[in-house]
């Protein structure tokens, strides 16, 4: 379980789209699969960067989201990081 919500790690990770291999922007580790969590544009440089996280970091962030939801007495639903959350 990620927290007290009853959501298993498998359920939490299933809320994300997993893409290419690369480096996690949160922990810096290499991973075979990453979840895109943000796109950052830097117009001055004419550049766009994709920020992606590994499974362990996604679970850690989701646990924090769950704790914040509980503190607000709100309902927690997995998939609250980045583009996955926009469709809610």
N, C-alpha and C. Protein backbone atom coordinates (compact mmCIF):
# COMPACT_ATOMS: atom_id res chain seq x y z
N UNK A 1 0.82 -1.18 0.00
CA UNK A 1 0.00 0.00 0.00
C UNK A 1 0.87 1.25 0.00
N UNK A 2 0.43 2.26 -0.72
CA UNK A 2 1.16 3.52 -0.71
C UNK A 2 0.93 4.20 0.62
N UNK A 3 -0.25 4.18 1.10
CA UNK A 3 -0.60 4.79 2.39
C UNK A 3 -1.81 4.06 2.93
N UNK A 4 -2.75 4.81 3.49
CA UNK A 4 -3.94 4.19 4.06
C UNK A 4 -5.10 4.09 3.08
N UNK A 5 -4.90 4.52 1.84
CA UNK A 5 -5.99 4.56 0.87
C UNK A 5 -6.40 3.18 0.40
N UNK A 6 -5.53 2.22 0.54
CA UNK A 6 -5.83 0.90 0.03
C UNK A 6 -5.29 0.68 -1.37
N UNK A 7 -4.76 1.71 -2.00
CA UNK A 7 -4.20 1.58 -3.34
C UNK A 7 -2.84 0.87 -3.24
N UNK A 8 -2.70 -0.19 -4.01
CA UNK A 8 -1.42 -0.90 -4.02
C UNK A 8 -0.43 -0.17 -4.91
N UNK A 9 0.86 -0.42 -4.75
CA UNK A 9 1.84 0.20 -5.64
C UNK A 9 1.54 -0.08 -7.12
N UNK A 10 1.07 -1.28 -7.41
CA UNK A 10 0.75 -1.63 -8.80
C UNK A 10 -0.38 -0.74 -9.32
N UNK A 11 -1.40 -0.49 -8.50
CA UNK A 11 -2.51 0.38 -8.90
C UNK A 11 -2.04 1.81 -9.10
N UNK A 12 -1.18 2.27 -8.22
CA UNK A 12 -0.67 3.64 -8.32
C UNK A 12 0.15 3.78 -9.61
N UNK A 13 1.05 2.87 -9.86
CA UNK A 13 1.90 2.95 -11.04
C UNK A 13 1.10 2.80 -12.33
N UNK A 14 0.00 2.06 -12.28
CA UNK A 14 -0.86 1.87 -13.46
C UNK A 14 -1.56 3.17 -13.87
N UNK A 15 -1.59 4.16 -13.00
CA UNK A 15 -2.22 5.45 -13.32
C UNK A 15 -1.34 6.30 -14.23
N UNK A 16 -0.15 5.85 -14.53
CA UNK A 16 0.81 6.61 -15.33
C UNK A 16 1.13 5.90 -16.63
N UNK A 17 1.55 6.70 -17.61
CA UNK A 17 2.04 6.15 -18.87
C UNK A 17 3.55 6.06 -18.77
N UNK A 18 4.07 4.88 -19.01
CA UNK A 18 5.51 4.63 -18.86
C UNK A 18 6.16 4.64 -20.22
N UNK A 19 7.24 5.41 -20.34
CA UNK A 19 7.90 5.62 -21.62
C UNK A 19 9.32 5.10 -21.62
N UNK A 20 10.13 5.76 -22.35
CA UNK A 20 11.51 5.37 -22.61
C UNK A 20 12.40 5.25 -21.36
N UNK A 21 13.56 4.71 -21.60
CA UNK A 21 14.59 4.64 -20.56
C UNK A 21 15.27 6.00 -20.45
N UNK A 22 15.84 6.27 -19.30
CA UNK A 22 16.56 7.53 -19.12
C UNK A 22 16.85 7.77 -17.65
N UNK A 23 17.02 9.04 -17.31
CA UNK A 23 17.34 9.43 -15.93
C UNK A 23 16.13 10.08 -15.29
N UNK A 24 15.91 9.70 -14.05
CA UNK A 24 14.84 10.31 -13.24
C UNK A 24 15.30 11.70 -12.81
N UNK A 25 14.45 12.72 -13.03
CA UNK A 25 14.87 14.07 -12.64
C UNK A 25 14.87 14.24 -11.13
N UNK A 26 14.13 13.41 -10.39
CA UNK A 26 14.04 13.56 -8.94
C UNK A 26 15.23 12.95 -8.22
N UNK A 27 15.57 11.69 -8.56
CA UNK A 27 16.66 11.02 -7.85
C UNK A 27 17.95 10.94 -8.67
N UNK A 28 17.84 11.18 -9.97
CA UNK A 28 19.02 11.14 -10.83
C UNK A 28 19.44 9.76 -11.27
N UNK A 29 18.71 8.75 -10.82
CA UNK A 29 19.05 7.38 -11.18
C UNK A 29 18.60 7.00 -12.58
N UNK A 30 19.24 6.00 -13.14
CA UNK A 30 18.84 5.48 -14.45
C UNK A 30 17.70 4.49 -14.26
N UNK A 31 16.76 4.52 -15.21
CA UNK A 31 15.62 3.60 -15.15
C UNK A 31 15.26 3.15 -16.56
N UNK A 32 14.76 1.93 -16.66
CA UNK A 32 14.34 1.42 -17.96
C UNK A 32 13.03 2.05 -18.41
N UNK A 33 12.20 2.40 -17.45
CA UNK A 33 10.91 3.03 -17.76
C UNK A 33 10.73 4.26 -16.89
N UNK A 34 10.26 5.33 -17.51
CA UNK A 34 10.01 6.58 -16.80
C UNK A 34 8.61 7.08 -17.11
N UNK A 35 8.02 7.82 -16.18
CA UNK A 35 6.72 8.46 -16.39
C UNK A 35 6.95 9.95 -16.59
N UNK A 36 6.44 10.49 -17.68
CA UNK A 36 6.54 11.92 -17.93
C UNK A 36 5.67 12.65 -16.91
N UNK A 37 6.25 13.60 -16.19
CA UNK A 37 5.49 14.33 -15.17
C UNK A 37 5.41 15.82 -15.44
N UNK A 38 6.23 16.34 -16.33
CA UNK A 38 6.17 17.77 -16.65
C UNK A 38 6.96 18.06 -17.92
N UNK A 39 6.56 19.13 -18.58
CA UNK A 39 7.30 19.67 -19.71
C UNK A 39 7.59 21.12 -19.38
N UNK A 40 8.84 21.49 -19.47
CA UNK A 40 9.26 22.84 -19.14
C UNK A 40 9.80 23.52 -20.40
N UNK A 41 9.21 24.66 -20.73
CA UNK A 41 9.67 25.42 -21.90
C UNK A 41 10.53 26.60 -21.42
N UNK A 42 11.61 26.81 -22.14
CA UNK A 42 12.49 27.95 -21.86
C UNK A 42 12.58 28.74 -23.18
N UNK A 43 11.61 29.65 -23.39
CA UNK A 43 11.55 30.37 -24.67
C UNK A 43 12.84 31.12 -25.01
N UNK A 44 13.48 31.68 -24.02
CA UNK A 44 14.71 32.45 -24.26
C UNK A 44 15.77 31.58 -24.92
N UNK A 45 15.77 30.28 -24.56
CA UNK A 45 16.74 29.35 -25.14
C UNK A 45 16.16 28.60 -26.33
N UNK A 46 14.85 28.74 -26.53
CA UNK A 46 14.20 27.99 -27.60
C UNK A 46 14.21 26.50 -27.32
N UNK A 47 14.15 26.15 -26.03
CA UNK A 47 14.25 24.75 -25.64
C UNK A 47 13.03 24.30 -24.83
N UNK A 48 12.74 23.03 -24.95
CA UNK A 48 11.70 22.39 -24.15
C UNK A 48 12.31 21.14 -23.53
N UNK A 49 12.06 20.96 -22.25
CA UNK A 49 12.61 19.81 -21.54
C UNK A 49 11.48 18.98 -20.95
N UNK A 50 11.60 17.67 -21.07
CA UNK A 50 10.63 16.77 -20.46
C UNK A 50 11.21 16.24 -19.16
N UNK A 51 10.44 16.34 -18.09
CA UNK A 51 10.86 15.82 -16.79
C UNK A 51 10.11 14.52 -16.55
N UNK A 52 10.86 13.48 -16.23
CA UNK A 52 10.27 12.16 -16.02
C UNK A 52 10.80 11.57 -14.73
N UNK A 53 9.98 10.71 -14.13
CA UNK A 53 10.35 10.09 -12.85
C UNK A 53 10.30 8.57 -12.94
N UNK A 54 11.16 7.93 -12.15
CA UNK A 54 11.18 6.48 -12.05
C UNK A 54 10.03 6.02 -11.14
N UNK A 55 9.77 4.73 -11.12
CA UNK A 55 8.68 4.19 -10.32
C UNK A 55 8.81 4.46 -8.84
N UNK A 56 10.00 4.34 -8.30
CA UNK A 56 10.20 4.58 -6.87
C UNK A 56 9.88 6.02 -6.49
N UNK A 57 10.29 6.96 -7.34
CA UNK A 57 10.01 8.37 -7.06
C UNK A 57 8.54 8.70 -7.25
N UNK A 58 7.89 8.07 -8.24
CA UNK A 58 6.45 8.26 -8.41
C UNK A 58 5.72 7.80 -7.16
N UNK A 59 6.09 6.63 -6.63
CA UNK A 59 5.44 6.12 -5.41
C UNK A 59 5.68 7.05 -4.22
N UNK A 60 6.89 7.58 -4.09
CA UNK A 60 7.19 8.49 -2.99
C UNK A 60 6.38 9.78 -3.10
N UNK A 61 6.27 10.33 -4.30
CA UNK A 61 5.48 11.55 -4.51
C UNK A 61 3.99 11.29 -4.28
N UNK A 62 3.51 10.14 -4.75
CA UNK A 62 2.10 9.79 -4.55
C UNK A 62 1.79 9.64 -3.07
N UNK A 63 2.72 9.10 -2.31
CA UNK A 63 2.50 8.96 -0.87
C UNK A 63 2.34 10.35 -0.23
N UNK A 64 3.15 11.31 -0.68
CA UNK A 64 3.02 12.68 -0.17
C UNK A 64 1.69 13.30 -0.57
N UNK A 65 1.25 13.05 -1.82
CA UNK A 65 -0.06 13.56 -2.25
C UNK A 65 -1.18 12.96 -1.41
N UNK A 66 -1.04 11.68 -1.09
CA UNK A 66 -2.06 11.02 -0.27
C UNK A 66 -2.11 11.63 1.13
N UNK A 67 -0.96 11.89 1.71
CA UNK A 67 -0.92 12.51 3.04
C UNK A 67 -1.55 13.90 3.03
N UNK A 68 -1.25 14.68 1.98
CA UNK A 68 -1.85 16.02 1.88
C UNK A 68 -3.36 15.93 1.73
N UNK A 69 -3.83 14.98 0.94
CA UNK A 69 -5.28 14.80 0.77
C UNK A 69 -5.93 14.43 2.11
N UNK A 70 -5.30 13.54 2.85
CA UNK A 70 -5.85 13.15 4.16
C UNK A 70 -5.89 14.33 5.11
N UNK A 71 -4.86 15.17 5.09
CA UNK A 71 -4.81 16.34 5.96
C UNK A 71 -5.93 17.33 5.62
N UNK A 72 -6.31 17.39 4.34
CA UNK A 72 -7.40 18.26 3.90
C UNK A 72 -8.75 17.56 3.97
N UNK A 73 -8.74 16.32 4.38
CA UNK A 73 -9.94 15.47 4.42
C UNK A 73 -10.55 15.35 3.02
N UNK A 74 -9.68 15.25 2.03
CA UNK A 74 -10.09 15.10 0.64
C UNK A 74 -9.88 13.65 0.21
N UNK A 75 -10.50 13.28 -0.88
CA UNK A 75 -10.35 11.94 -1.42
C UNK A 75 -9.04 11.86 -2.21
N UNK A 76 -8.28 10.83 -1.94
CA UNK A 76 -7.02 10.61 -2.66
C UNK A 76 -7.29 9.67 -3.83
N UNK A 77 -6.76 10.05 -5.00
CA UNK A 77 -6.81 9.19 -6.17
C UNK A 77 -5.43 9.15 -6.79
N UNK A 78 -4.92 7.97 -7.09
CA UNK A 78 -3.60 7.87 -7.74
C UNK A 78 -3.60 8.56 -9.09
N UNK A 79 -2.43 9.01 -9.51
CA UNK A 79 -2.28 9.63 -10.82
C UNK A 79 -2.24 11.13 -10.75
N UNK A 80 -1.88 11.67 -9.59
CA UNK A 80 -1.94 13.11 -9.38
C UNK A 80 -0.71 13.90 -9.73
N UNK A 81 0.26 13.29 -10.39
CA UNK A 81 1.48 14.01 -10.74
C UNK A 81 1.48 14.26 -12.25
N UNK A 82 1.73 15.48 -12.65
CA UNK A 82 1.94 15.81 -14.06
C UNK A 82 0.76 15.59 -14.97
N UNK A 83 1.04 15.24 -16.25
CA UNK A 83 -0.01 15.11 -17.26
C UNK A 83 -1.11 14.13 -16.89
N UNK A 84 -0.80 13.11 -16.12
CA UNK A 84 -1.84 12.14 -15.71
C UNK A 84 -2.92 12.83 -14.90
N UNK A 85 -2.58 13.87 -14.17
CA UNK A 85 -3.54 14.57 -13.32
C UNK A 85 -4.40 15.55 -14.11
N UNK A 86 -3.95 15.97 -15.26
CA UNK A 86 -4.68 17.00 -16.02
C UNK A 86 -6.02 16.52 -16.53
N UNK A 87 -6.18 15.22 -16.73
CA UNK A 87 -7.43 14.69 -17.25
C UNK A 87 -8.50 14.51 -16.19
N UNK A 88 -8.24 14.89 -14.98
CA UNK A 88 -9.19 14.69 -13.88
C UNK A 88 -10.29 15.71 -13.89
